[in-house]
Protein backbone atom coordinates (compact mmCIF):
# COMPACT_ATOMS: atom_id res chain seq x y z
CA MET A 1 0.00 0.00 0.00
CA GLY A 2 1.36 3.44 -0.90
CA ALA A 3 2.37 6.03 1.65
CA ASN A 4 -0.44 8.38 0.64
CA SER A 5 -3.12 5.74 1.22
CA GLU A 6 -1.70 5.00 4.66
CA MET A 7 -1.26 8.60 5.71
CA PRO A 8 -3.59 10.85 3.72
CA LYS A 9 -2.61 14.48 3.45
CA LEU A 10 -5.32 17.12 3.26
CA THR A 11 -5.52 20.88 3.50
CA ILE A 12 -7.61 22.51 6.22
CA ASP A 13 -8.02 26.28 6.02
CA GLY A 14 -4.79 26.52 4.05
CA LYS A 15 -2.77 24.29 6.38
CA GLU A 16 -1.51 20.87 5.26
CA VAL A 17 -2.38 18.08 7.68
CA THR A 18 -1.29 14.45 7.56
CA VAL A 19 -3.41 11.97 9.48
CA ALA A 20 -3.67 8.23 9.96
CA ASP A 21 -5.72 6.25 7.49
CA GLY A 22 -9.36 6.12 8.63
CA ALA A 23 -9.31 9.46 10.46
CA THR A 24 -12.23 11.79 9.93
CA VAL A 25 -12.06 15.42 8.86
CA LEU A 26 -13.02 16.47 12.39
CA GLN A 27 -10.24 14.37 13.89
CA ALA A 28 -7.80 15.85 11.38
CA ALA A 29 -8.86 19.39 12.31
CA ARG A 30 -8.50 18.71 16.04
CA GLN A 31 -5.17 16.99 15.52
CA ALA A 32 -3.84 20.01 13.64
CA GLY A 33 -5.20 22.43 16.25
CA GLY A 34 -6.41 25.97 15.82
CA PHE A 35 -9.55 25.06 13.88
CA ASP A 36 -12.89 25.79 15.48
CA VAL A 37 -15.26 23.01 14.45
CA PRO A 38 -18.10 22.90 17.00
CA THR A 39 -19.92 19.67 17.82
CA PHE A 40 -22.89 18.38 19.79
CA CYS A 41 -23.33 14.67 19.13
CA TYR A 42 -19.67 13.78 18.57
CA HIS A 43 -17.65 12.38 21.46
CA PRO A 44 -14.29 10.65 21.02
CA GLY A 45 -15.27 7.89 23.45
CA LEU A 46 -18.47 6.96 21.60
CA SER A 47 -19.47 5.77 18.15
CA ILE A 48 -20.10 8.40 15.48
CA ALA A 49 -23.76 9.26 15.05
CA GLY A 50 -23.52 12.32 12.80
CA ASN A 51 -27.05 13.39 13.69
CA CYS A 52 -26.64 16.94 15.00
CA ARG A 53 -24.95 18.42 11.87
CA MET A 54 -23.21 21.04 13.99
CA CYS A 55 -19.78 20.10 12.66
CA LEU A 56 -20.62 21.00 9.05
CA VAL A 57 -17.65 22.17 6.98
CA GLU A 58 -17.17 23.05 3.34
CA VAL A 59 -15.19 20.59 1.24
CA GLU A 60 -14.14 21.71 -2.21
CA LYS A 61 -15.92 19.82 -5.02
CA ALA A 62 -18.61 18.60 -2.60
CA PRO A 63 -22.12 19.79 -3.54
CA LYS A 64 -23.00 20.89 -0.01
CA PRO A 65 -21.44 21.15 3.46
CA VAL A 66 -20.56 17.80 5.02
CA ALA A 67 -20.57 16.52 8.61
CA SER A 68 -16.88 16.51 9.47
CA CYS A 69 -17.30 13.94 12.25
CA ALA A 70 -18.53 11.31 9.78
CA THR A 71 -16.51 12.24 6.68
CA PRO A 72 -13.25 10.31 6.16
CA ALA A 73 -10.16 12.42 5.51
CA THR A 74 -8.85 11.57 2.05
CA GLU A 75 -5.74 12.39 0.07
CA GLY A 76 -5.84 15.88 -1.48
CA MET A 77 -9.05 16.95 0.24
CA VAL A 78 -9.40 20.72 0.69
CA VAL A 79 -11.50 21.74 3.69
CA HIS A 80 -12.78 25.15 4.80
CA THR A 81 -14.02 25.26 8.39
CA GLY A 82 -14.68 28.99 8.56
CA SER A 83 -15.99 29.81 5.10
CA PRO A 84 -19.29 31.71 4.77
CA LYS A 85 -20.99 28.55 3.50
CA ALA A 86 -19.83 26.52 6.54
CA LYS A 87 -20.74 29.24 9.02
CA ASP A 88 -24.17 29.79 7.52
CA ALA A 89 -24.89 26.06 7.61
CA ARG A 90 -24.01 25.90 11.30
CA LYS A 91 -26.13 28.95 12.08
CA VAL A 92 -29.13 27.22 10.53
CA VAL A 93 -28.50 24.13 12.67
CA ILE A 94 -28.41 26.21 15.85
CA GLU A 95 -31.55 28.13 14.92
CA PHE A 96 -33.29 24.85 14.23
CA LEU A 97 -32.28 23.53 17.67
CA LEU A 98 -33.45 26.74 19.35
CA ALA A 99 -36.86 26.53 17.69
CA ASN A 100 -38.17 24.35 20.51
CA HIS A 101 -35.42 24.73 23.08
CA PRO A 102 -36.55 26.63 26.20
CA LEU A 103 -34.60 29.85 26.61
CA ASP A 104 -34.17 29.40 30.36
CA CYS A 105 -30.41 29.87 30.63
CA PRO A 106 -30.66 32.03 33.78
CA ILE A 107 -32.21 29.15 35.75
CA CYS A 108 -30.61 26.21 33.95
CA ASP A 109 -28.13 24.25 36.03
CA ARG A 110 -25.91 23.86 32.95
CA ALA A 111 -25.45 27.59 32.40
CA GLY A 112 -21.80 28.47 32.06
CA GLU A 113 -20.83 25.08 30.70
CA CYS A 114 -23.58 24.53 28.12
CA VAL A 115 -22.29 23.70 24.63
CA LEU A 116 -25.49 25.00 23.00
CA GLN A 117 -25.11 28.27 24.84
CA ASP A 118 -21.45 28.56 23.80
CA ASN A 119 -22.09 27.67 20.16
CA SER A 120 -25.08 30.02 19.93
CA MET A 121 -23.02 32.94 21.13
CA SER A 122 -19.87 32.11 19.13
CA ASN A 123 -21.91 31.68 15.94
CA GLY A 124 -23.94 34.84 16.46
CA VAL A 125 -27.31 33.12 16.81
CA MET A 126 -28.93 34.95 19.71
CA ALA A 127 -32.59 34.73 18.69
CA SER A 128 -35.01 32.51 16.81
CA ARG A 129 -37.45 33.43 14.04
CA PHE A 130 -39.76 30.66 15.24
CA GLU A 131 -43.03 32.28 16.37
CA PRO A 132 -45.52 29.50 17.22
CA GLU A 133 -45.56 28.07 20.73
CA LYS A 134 -42.68 25.73 21.43
CA VAL A 135 -43.32 21.99 21.74
CA HIS A 136 -43.60 21.05 25.41
CA LYS A 137 -42.17 17.83 26.82
CA PRO A 138 -41.89 16.28 30.31
CA LYS A 139 -39.71 18.18 32.76
CA VAL A 140 -37.89 17.25 35.99
CA GLN A 141 -38.18 13.50 35.49
CA ASP A 142 -36.53 11.35 38.13
CA ILE A 143 -34.94 8.64 35.98
CA GLY A 144 -32.47 7.18 38.48
CA PRO A 145 -30.80 7.59 41.87
CA HIS A 146 -28.49 10.32 40.59
CA VAL A 147 -29.94 11.79 37.39
CA VAL A 148 -32.83 14.10 36.51
CA LEU A 149 -34.12 14.49 32.92
CA ASP A 150 -35.64 17.64 31.41
CA ALA A 151 -36.82 16.46 27.99
CA GLU A 152 -37.57 20.01 26.77
CA ARG A 153 -33.89 20.92 26.90
CA CYS A 154 -32.73 17.80 25.07
CA ILE A 155 -31.27 18.39 21.58
CA MET A 156 -31.34 14.68 20.67
CA CYS A 157 -27.58 14.32 20.36
CA SER A 158 -27.99 10.68 21.54
CA ARG A 159 -24.75 10.69 23.53
CA CYS A 160 -26.46 9.32 26.64
CA VAL A 161 -28.17 6.54 24.69
CA ARG A 162 -24.91 5.53 23.03
CA PHE A 163 -23.15 5.51 26.40
CA THR A 164 -25.63 3.08 27.95
CA ASP A 165 -25.45 0.91 24.83
CA GLU A 166 -21.71 0.99 24.18
CA VAL A 167 -19.93 1.68 27.49
CA SER A 168 -22.08 0.64 30.45
CA HIS A 169 -23.94 -1.95 28.29
CA SER A 170 -26.98 -1.42 30.50
CA HIS A 171 -29.37 -0.13 27.78
CA GLU A 172 -31.60 1.95 30.06
CA LEU A 173 -32.10 4.87 27.66
CA GLY A 174 -33.66 5.08 24.22
CA ILE A 175 -35.10 7.50 21.68
CA PHE A 176 -38.87 7.45 21.37
CA GLY A 177 -41.34 9.23 19.08
CA ARG A 178 -40.81 10.96 15.74
CA GLY A 179 -40.33 14.45 14.41
CA ASN A 180 -40.54 17.26 16.91
CA SER A 181 -42.17 14.92 19.45
CA GLU A 182 -39.07 12.72 19.56
CA GLN A 183 -37.49 12.49 23.00
CA ILE A 184 -35.04 10.61 25.18
CA GLY A 185 -36.58 8.35 27.79
CA LEU A 186 -36.22 5.22 29.87
CA ALA A 187 -36.71 1.87 28.23
CA PRO A 188 -39.80 0.03 29.57
CA GLY A 189 -39.15 -1.33 33.04
CA LYS A 190 -35.75 0.32 33.30
CA VAL A 191 -34.21 2.78 35.78
CA LEU A 192 -30.93 4.57 35.14
CA ASP A 193 -29.10 2.92 38.01
CA ASN A 194 -26.03 1.34 36.43
CA PRO A 195 -22.69 1.87 38.28
CA TYR A 196 -21.64 4.52 35.73
CA SER A 197 -24.87 6.52 35.38
CA GLY A 198 -23.26 9.84 36.28
CA ASN A 199 -21.32 9.84 33.02
CA VAL A 200 -24.45 10.66 31.03
CA VAL A 201 -24.59 14.01 32.84
CA ASP A 202 -21.02 14.76 31.75
CA LEU A 203 -21.88 13.76 28.20
CA CYS A 204 -25.02 15.88 27.93
CA PRO A 205 -24.09 19.07 26.03
CA VAL A 206 -27.07 20.97 27.45
CA GLY A 207 -29.10 20.98 30.67
CA ALA A 208 -31.28 18.00 29.81
CA LEU A 209 -29.51 15.61 32.17
CA THR A 210 -28.40 16.98 35.52
CA ALA A 211 -26.99 15.40 38.68
CA LYS A 212 -29.15 15.48 41.80
CA GLU A 213 -26.06 15.94 43.95
CA PHE A 214 -25.03 19.13 42.10
CA ARG A 215 -28.34 20.69 41.03
CA PHE A 216 -28.63 24.32 42.14
CA LYS A 217 -25.59 24.10 44.43
CA SER A 218 -23.20 26.38 42.57
CA ARG A 219 -22.78 28.09 39.22
CA ALA A 220 -20.06 26.54 37.12
CA TRP A 221 -18.06 29.76 36.87
CA PHE A 222 -17.63 29.92 40.64
CA LEU A 223 -15.90 26.54 40.77
CA GLN A 224 -12.15 26.14 41.10
CA LYS A 225 -10.61 23.01 39.58
CA ALA A 226 -7.60 20.87 40.41
CA ASP A 227 -6.30 17.74 38.70
CA SER A 228 -6.42 14.76 41.02
CA VAL A 229 -6.85 11.00 41.31
CA CYS A 230 -9.91 9.24 42.71
CA PRO A 231 -9.12 7.66 46.12
CA SER A 232 -12.06 5.25 46.16
CA CYS A 233 -10.27 2.18 44.82
CA ALA A 234 -6.99 0.93 43.39
CA ARG A 235 -8.00 1.81 39.81
CA GLY A 236 -6.90 5.41 40.34
CA CYS A 237 -9.25 7.06 37.87
CA ASN A 238 -8.07 10.51 36.87
CA ILE A 239 -10.46 13.19 38.09
CA THR A 240 -10.90 16.91 38.53
CA VAL A 241 -11.85 18.08 42.02
CA GLU A 242 -14.19 21.07 41.72
CA THR A 243 -14.56 23.31 44.74
CA ASN A 244 -16.20 26.53 45.88
CA THR A 245 -14.80 28.19 48.97
CA SER A 246 -16.32 31.64 48.48
CA ARG A 247 -19.57 32.90 49.94
CA ILE A 248 -20.81 33.81 46.49
CA ASN A 249 -23.38 31.50 44.96
CA LYS A 250 -22.68 28.67 47.37
CA VAL A 251 -25.15 26.30 48.99
CA GLY A 252 -24.15 24.53 52.19
CA ASP A 253 -20.85 24.27 54.03
CA SER A 254 -19.19 21.71 51.78
CA ARG A 255 -16.15 22.93 49.90
CA VAL A 256 -16.17 20.13 47.33
CA TYR A 257 -19.02 20.23 44.83
CA ARG A 258 -18.06 17.67 42.22
CA PHE A 259 -15.64 15.00 41.16
CA MET A 260 -15.43 14.94 37.37
CA PRO A 261 -13.61 12.36 35.23
CA ARG A 262 -10.39 13.52 33.59
CA HIS A 263 -9.32 11.84 30.37
CA ASN A 264 -6.53 9.30 30.66
CA PRO A 265 -6.53 6.57 27.98
CA GLU A 266 -4.21 4.42 30.12
CA VAL A 267 -6.47 4.33 33.17
CA ASN A 268 -10.11 5.36 32.87
CA ASP A 269 -10.45 6.86 29.39
CA TYR A 270 -13.26 9.48 29.70
CA TRP A 271 -15.25 7.80 32.46
CA MET A 272 -15.54 7.16 36.18
CA CYS A 273 -17.87 5.09 38.35
CA ASP A 274 -20.64 6.48 40.54
CA GLU A 275 -19.01 4.92 43.61
CA GLY A 276 -16.06 7.26 43.24
CA ARG A 277 -17.90 10.20 41.68
CA TYR A 278 -20.29 10.83 44.57
CA ARG A 279 -17.98 9.91 47.44
CA TYR A 280 -16.69 13.33 48.45
CA ALA A 281 -18.86 14.40 51.38
CA TRP A 282 -16.37 12.83 53.83
CA ILE A 283 -13.82 15.49 52.91
CA ASP A 284 -15.67 18.07 55.01
CA GLN A 285 -17.69 15.88 57.37
CA ASN A 286 -16.63 15.14 60.95
CA ARG A 287 -13.10 16.30 60.30
CA VAL A 288 -10.39 16.23 62.94
CA THR A 289 -8.96 19.74 62.83
CA ALA A 290 -6.92 20.05 66.04
CA ALA A 291 -4.24 18.07 67.85
CA VAL A 292 -5.51 16.80 71.18
CA ARG A 293 -4.05 15.04 74.22
CA ARG A 294 -6.46 13.32 76.57
CA SER A 295 -5.64 12.77 80.21
CA ALA A 296 -8.19 11.18 82.53
CA GLY A 297 -10.74 11.63 79.75
CA ARG A 298 -10.19 15.39 79.57
CA PRO A 299 -9.02 16.76 76.18
CA GLU A 300 -6.25 19.33 75.97
CA ARG A 301 -5.63 21.11 72.68
CA LEU A 302 -2.05 21.12 71.42
CA THR A 303 -0.12 22.49 68.53
CA VAL A 304 0.90 19.89 65.97
CA ASP A 305 4.55 20.39 67.00
CA ASP A 306 3.68 19.67 70.62
CA ALA A 307 1.71 16.60 69.53
CA VAL A 308 4.68 15.31 67.52
CA ALA A 309 6.92 15.91 70.54
CA GLY A 310 4.41 14.00 72.65
CA LEU A 311 4.46 11.10 70.22
CA LYS A 312 8.25 11.00 70.39
CA ARG A 313 8.12 10.85 74.18
CA LEU A 314 5.77 7.88 73.99
CA LEU A 315 8.01 6.11 71.48
CA ASP A 316 11.12 6.85 73.55
CA GLY A 317 9.46 5.53 76.69
CA THR A 318 8.52 2.24 75.04
CA LYS A 319 10.65 -0.50 73.57
CA PRO A 320 10.13 -0.89 69.81
CA ALA A 321 9.13 -4.51 70.46
CA ARG A 322 6.17 -3.19 72.45
CA THR A 323 5.16 -0.64 69.81
CA GLY A 324 2.70 -1.31 66.98
CA VAL A 325 2.03 0.90 63.96
CA LEU A 326 -0.86 0.44 61.54
CA LEU A 327 -0.17 2.39 58.36
CA SER A 328 -2.66 2.96 55.55
CA ARG A 329 -2.69 2.07 51.88
CA GLY A 330 -4.54 5.34 51.43
CA SER A 331 -1.36 7.21 52.33
CA THR A 332 0.89 8.51 49.58
CA LEU A 333 4.22 7.07 48.52
CA GLU A 334 5.88 10.03 50.21
CA ASP A 335 4.07 9.33 53.50
CA LEU A 336 4.91 5.65 53.47
CA TYR A 337 8.52 6.19 52.46
CA LEU A 338 9.26 8.43 55.44
CA ALA A 339 7.27 6.21 57.83
CA ARG A 340 9.28 3.21 56.65
CA ASP A 341 12.52 5.13 57.22
CA LEU A 342 11.46 6.11 60.73
CA PHE A 343 10.26 2.76 62.00
CA THR A 344 12.64 0.40 60.24
CA ALA A 345 15.89 2.41 60.36
CA HIS A 346 15.51 4.35 63.60
CA LEU A 347 13.08 2.24 65.63
CA PRO A 348 13.89 -1.30 64.45
CA GLY A 349 11.76 -3.98 66.00
CA THR A 350 8.57 -1.93 65.78
CA HIS A 351 5.62 -4.07 64.73
CA LEU A 352 4.69 -2.38 61.46
CA ALA A 353 1.71 -3.32 59.28
CA VAL A 354 0.05 -1.76 56.28
CA ASP A 355 -2.22 -4.56 55.11
CA THR A 356 -5.62 -3.57 56.44
CA PRO A 357 -8.97 -4.75 55.08
CA ALA A 358 -11.34 -2.52 53.15
CA ASP A 359 -13.74 -0.37 55.14
CA ARG A 360 -16.39 -0.75 52.42
CA PRO A 361 -17.90 -3.80 50.65
CA PRO A 362 -15.46 -5.07 47.99
CA THR A 363 -17.57 -4.28 44.92
CA GLU A 364 -15.84 -4.99 41.63
CA ASP A 365 -16.60 -5.25 37.93
CA ARG A 366 -14.76 -5.83 34.68
CA PHE A 367 -14.57 -2.18 33.77
CA LEU A 368 -13.30 0.38 36.31
CA VAL A 369 -14.51 -0.63 39.78
CA CYS A 370 -11.71 -2.45 41.60
CA GLY A 371 -12.25 -4.73 44.59
CA ASP A 372 -9.22 -3.24 46.35
CA LYS A 373 -10.63 -0.08 47.96
CA TRP A 374 -7.26 1.49 48.74
CA PRO A 375 -5.59 3.77 46.18
CA ASN A 376 -1.96 2.91 46.98
CA THR A 377 -1.73 -0.83 47.59
CA ALA A 378 0.85 -1.19 44.83
CA GLY A 379 2.85 1.68 46.31
CA ALA A 380 3.05 -0.03 49.69
CA ASP A 381 4.19 -3.22 47.93
CA LEU A 382 6.82 -1.29 46.01
CA LEU A 383 8.28 0.00 49.28
CA ASN A 384 8.30 -3.55 50.68
CA LEU A 385 6.18 -2.59 53.65
CA PRO A 386 4.78 -5.53 55.62
CA GLY A 387 1.69 -6.50 53.67
CA GLY A 388 0.16 -9.10 51.43
CA GLY A 389 -0.83 -11.23 54.44
CA HIS A 390 -2.47 -10.50 57.76
CA GLU A 391 0.14 -8.46 59.59
CA TRP A 392 -2.56 -6.09 60.81
CA VAL A 393 -4.26 -9.06 62.53
CA GLU A 394 -0.96 -9.90 64.18
CA VAL A 395 -0.51 -6.33 65.43
CA LEU A 396 -4.04 -6.17 66.82
CA GLY A 397 -3.56 -9.63 68.31
CA ARG A 398 -0.47 -8.42 70.15
CA ALA A 399 -2.49 -5.45 71.40
CA GLU A 400 -5.26 -7.71 72.65
CA ARG A 401 -2.75 -9.91 74.49
CA GLY A 402 -1.30 -6.87 76.25
CA GLU A 403 2.00 -7.10 74.38
CA LEU A 404 1.89 -3.50 73.10
CA ASP A 405 2.31 -0.39 75.20
CA VAL A 406 1.94 2.02 72.25
CA LEU A 407 -0.30 1.57 69.22
CA VAL A 408 -0.19 4.17 66.45
CA VAL A 409 -3.13 4.02 64.03
CA VAL A 410 -2.78 6.01 60.81
CA GLY A 411 -5.78 6.84 58.63
CA HIS A 412 -8.06 4.03 59.83
CA ASP A 413 -11.37 3.93 61.63
CA LEU A 414 -10.94 0.47 63.14
CA SER A 415 -14.58 0.50 64.23
CA ARG A 416 -15.57 0.19 60.55
CA ILE A 417 -13.43 -2.90 60.15
CA ALA A 418 -14.68 -4.84 63.17
CA PRO A 419 -17.51 -4.37 65.70
CA LEU A 420 -16.80 -1.45 68.00
CA ALA A 421 -17.10 -3.60 71.13
CA GLN A 422 -14.45 -5.95 69.75
CA ILE A 423 -12.13 -3.08 68.87
CA GLU A 424 -12.62 -1.48 72.30
CA ASP A 425 -11.73 -4.79 73.92
CA VAL A 426 -8.51 -4.86 71.91
CA LEU A 427 -7.61 -1.25 72.67
CA HIS A 428 -8.38 -1.70 76.36
CA HIS A 429 -5.09 -3.60 76.68
CA VAL A 430 -3.02 -0.83 75.06
CA LYS A 431 -1.50 1.74 77.41
CA HIS A 432 -1.12 4.52 74.86
CA LEU A 433 -3.25 4.86 71.74
CA VAL A 434 -2.13 7.44 69.17
CA VAL A 435 -4.27 8.24 66.13
CA LEU A 436 -3.32 10.20 63.02
CA ALA A 437 -6.80 10.96 61.75
CA GLN A 438 -8.65 12.80 59.03
CA ASN A 439 -12.21 12.15 60.22
CA SER A 440 -13.57 11.72 63.70
CA SER A 441 -14.45 8.19 64.83
CA PRO A 442 -15.13 6.25 68.02
CA VAL A 443 -11.51 5.08 68.01
CA GLU A 444 -10.17 8.61 67.54
CA LYS A 445 -12.30 9.81 70.46
CA ARG A 446 -10.67 7.14 72.65
CA ALA A 447 -7.08 8.02 71.71
CA GLU A 448 -4.68 9.54 74.19
CA LEU A 449 -3.02 11.56 71.45
CA VAL A 450 -4.65 12.72 68.21
CA ILE A 451 -2.86 14.45 65.33
CA PRO A 452 -5.02 15.83 62.47
CA THR A 453 -3.94 14.90 58.95
CA ALA A 454 -4.88 16.44 55.61
CA VAL A 455 -7.09 14.59 53.12
CA PHE A 456 -5.93 13.99 49.56
CA ALA A 457 -7.84 17.02 48.24
CA GLU A 458 -5.88 19.28 50.62
CA ARG A 459 -2.43 18.19 49.52
CA GLN A 460 -0.36 16.78 46.71
CA GLY A 461 1.30 13.41 46.40
CA THR A 462 1.63 10.19 44.42
CA TRP A 463 -0.11 6.82 44.39
CA ILE A 464 0.50 3.72 42.30
CA ASN A 465 -2.64 2.11 40.92
CA VAL A 466 -3.55 -1.54 40.41
CA ALA A 467 -1.95 -1.56 36.96
CA GLY A 468 1.33 -0.24 38.32
CA ARG A 469 0.92 3.32 37.13
CA LEU A 470 2.49 6.04 39.25
CA GLN A 471 0.13 9.03 39.33
CA ARG A 472 0.37 12.44 40.88
CA PHE A 473 -2.50 14.48 42.33
CA HIS A 474 -2.68 18.16 43.26
CA ALA A 475 -4.15 20.13 46.14
CA ALA A 476 -7.61 21.58 45.53
CA LEU A 477 -8.14 23.06 49.01
CA GLU A 478 -6.31 24.40 52.03
CA PRO A 479 -6.20 21.93 54.95
CA LEU A 480 -8.90 22.41 57.56
CA GLY A 481 -7.72 23.68 60.92
CA ASP A 482 -4.28 22.40 61.91
CA ALA A 483 -4.33 19.35 59.66
CA VAL A 484 -1.01 18.51 57.99
CA PRO A 485 0.06 15.88 55.44
CA GLU A 486 1.34 12.69 57.10
CA TRP A 487 4.83 13.01 55.63
CA LYS A 488 5.42 16.19 57.63
CA ILE A 489 4.77 14.32 60.88
CA TRP A 490 7.25 11.58 59.94
CA ARG A 491 9.77 14.18 58.72
CA ASP A 492 9.62 16.06 62.00
CA LEU A 493 9.96 12.85 64.01
CA LEU A 494 12.97 11.82 61.93
CA GLY A 495 14.53 15.19 62.69
CA ARG A 496 14.00 14.62 66.40
CA TYR A 497 15.77 11.26 66.07
CA GLY A 498 18.84 12.92 64.60
CA ALA A 499 18.05 12.25 60.94
CA PRO A 500 16.99 15.69 59.76
CA TRP A 501 15.06 15.81 56.53
CA LEU A 502 15.22 19.15 54.79
CA ALA A 503 12.21 18.32 52.61
CA ARG A 504 10.05 21.39 52.07
CA ASP A 505 7.32 19.57 50.15
CA GLU A 506 6.36 16.26 48.55
CA ALA A 507 8.57 17.01 45.54
CA ASP A 508 11.65 16.94 47.77
CA VAL A 509 10.59 13.65 49.34
CA PHE A 510 9.94 12.15 45.91
CA LYS A 511 13.39 13.23 44.73
CA ALA A 512 15.00 11.38 47.62
CA MET A 513 12.72 8.40 47.08
CA ALA A 514 13.56 8.24 43.36
CA ALA A 515 17.23 8.12 44.29
CA GLY A 516 16.73 5.34 46.84
CA VAL A 517 14.05 3.10 45.30
CA PRO A 518 15.31 1.23 42.19
CA ALA A 519 11.87 1.09 40.54
CA LEU A 520 11.63 4.89 40.63
CA LYS A 521 15.17 5.60 39.47
CA GLY A 522 15.33 8.30 36.82
CA LEU A 523 11.85 9.65 37.54
CA SER A 524 11.28 13.26 38.51
CA TRP A 525 8.36 14.99 40.18
CA ASP A 526 7.58 17.12 37.16
CA GLY A 527 8.25 14.23 34.80
CA ILE A 528 5.30 12.24 36.16
CA GLY A 529 3.02 14.47 34.12
CA SER A 530 -0.76 14.66 34.16
CA GLY A 531 -1.24 11.09 32.94
CA GLY A 532 1.25 9.28 35.17
CA VAL A 533 4.13 6.92 34.45
CA ALA A 534 4.08 3.12 34.23
CA VAL A 535 6.26 1.30 36.78
CA LYS A 536 4.36 -1.96 36.38
CA ALA A 537 7.18 -4.48 36.15
CA ALA A 538 8.94 -3.06 39.18
CA VAL A 539 5.74 -3.05 41.23
CA ARG A 540 5.01 -6.66 40.35
CA ALA A 541 8.50 -7.70 41.38
CA ALA A 542 8.26 -5.82 44.68
CA ALA A 543 4.84 -7.32 45.42
CA THR A 544 6.15 -10.82 44.75
CA ALA A 545 9.16 -10.24 46.98
CA SER A 546 6.97 -8.99 49.84
CA ARG A 547 4.81 -12.13 49.94
């Protein structure tokens, strides 16, 4: 096959573009960049429908404008995306869509991120010549546990239908009726309750499908966004954490308003599950915001520095053999690396465990939901921390037998793992319980010393997902109260043990870790990038060695 047939070359608005065989004109234009070809029905993660006609462009020698999303790019093709003919064709499409579309932008939950609104304004279509009464359709339909449908706003792009057919394979949605009475609706006997239902809201280019959890909570333009990674399971789906910390246009005290999927073809493509999407309330609920020391049941507030000094006194007053530490696979690589350095190099003999069971039912499927509900299991394996078995049972067993004087619990609510009465019976035999906690719990309220730690959305760091991909997340919020990232606590303790760490942030810790951990050799903080870096083979080897 000739080179031209394999890599067709075409001209778009005077610029030569070479694309892979089979690419469409729209894909060629987006690949080249700088060409404004608007779309409604097209989505790179779904099949091509070509039904909205918004992506019309002029192709020389073609009798009329063509849909660029469904037109293959061919050798020698000459395309005009901004010619008068192309622009006029798109204006007609928008006016046609607005003929029956309710002009309720001021009260629509999609305002500010509505593709129809954007395309109407950018194409200069601000009014409709349609005079008869608009066709009315059902509004505010509860079609599932998370999604509300307003059929009047629907522009029949069919993205949601294609998603349930092609991605979730649950087939809840369909297109019913004909002509201007055509509408999206539930298939007979169906409810939109598949594990990925929230994605149809992301896909909807208008305000037809909205999320119950977000409706009327905040305008889109008041939200701040930070790239992050979902902490709900070991899949590590790439997400954007969207927050609103101002008093303007804000409902409730929560700072986090949405988790949105962020495209990563190596991890989650364009999607995320509902389990992770709607699990953000804990970030601001029942938070531990102050360091506390309890004596005779009476709490005394401390600074974090004083609490760290108090922890050191407890560790110094106890033999390592009578000290137990339960670390978390929800901690970052940076946290675990410094904790390992502290307890293995400077307090050898400490009973250290990181293998704790999930605090939620181990749901799993063949798509994105992973049965491992911790985001950094592979990272703990890479660092050869005690795990892969039941070390946590051994540590708690030692506590129950009265063999531990100090037990340090990091990031766990043990009362969610076993019945509270059973946990209290275990802890009754421990002289000093220390908890590094994000959220309040019955176990935290029983601790002699409590140090508040920042949640993932309040800090940066790295995790390694189930496929062995190292991924970096960014801070979206300031920590509540006196909460600090775990690594700072371990860094300060190391300094008090004569091993001063000059790390100012996670980047400094990662630099040291990359120099000391063979699997991370050659990696840099900035080099991780937004999509992460594969360290799969090294993680597998470390996991095997740790068993």
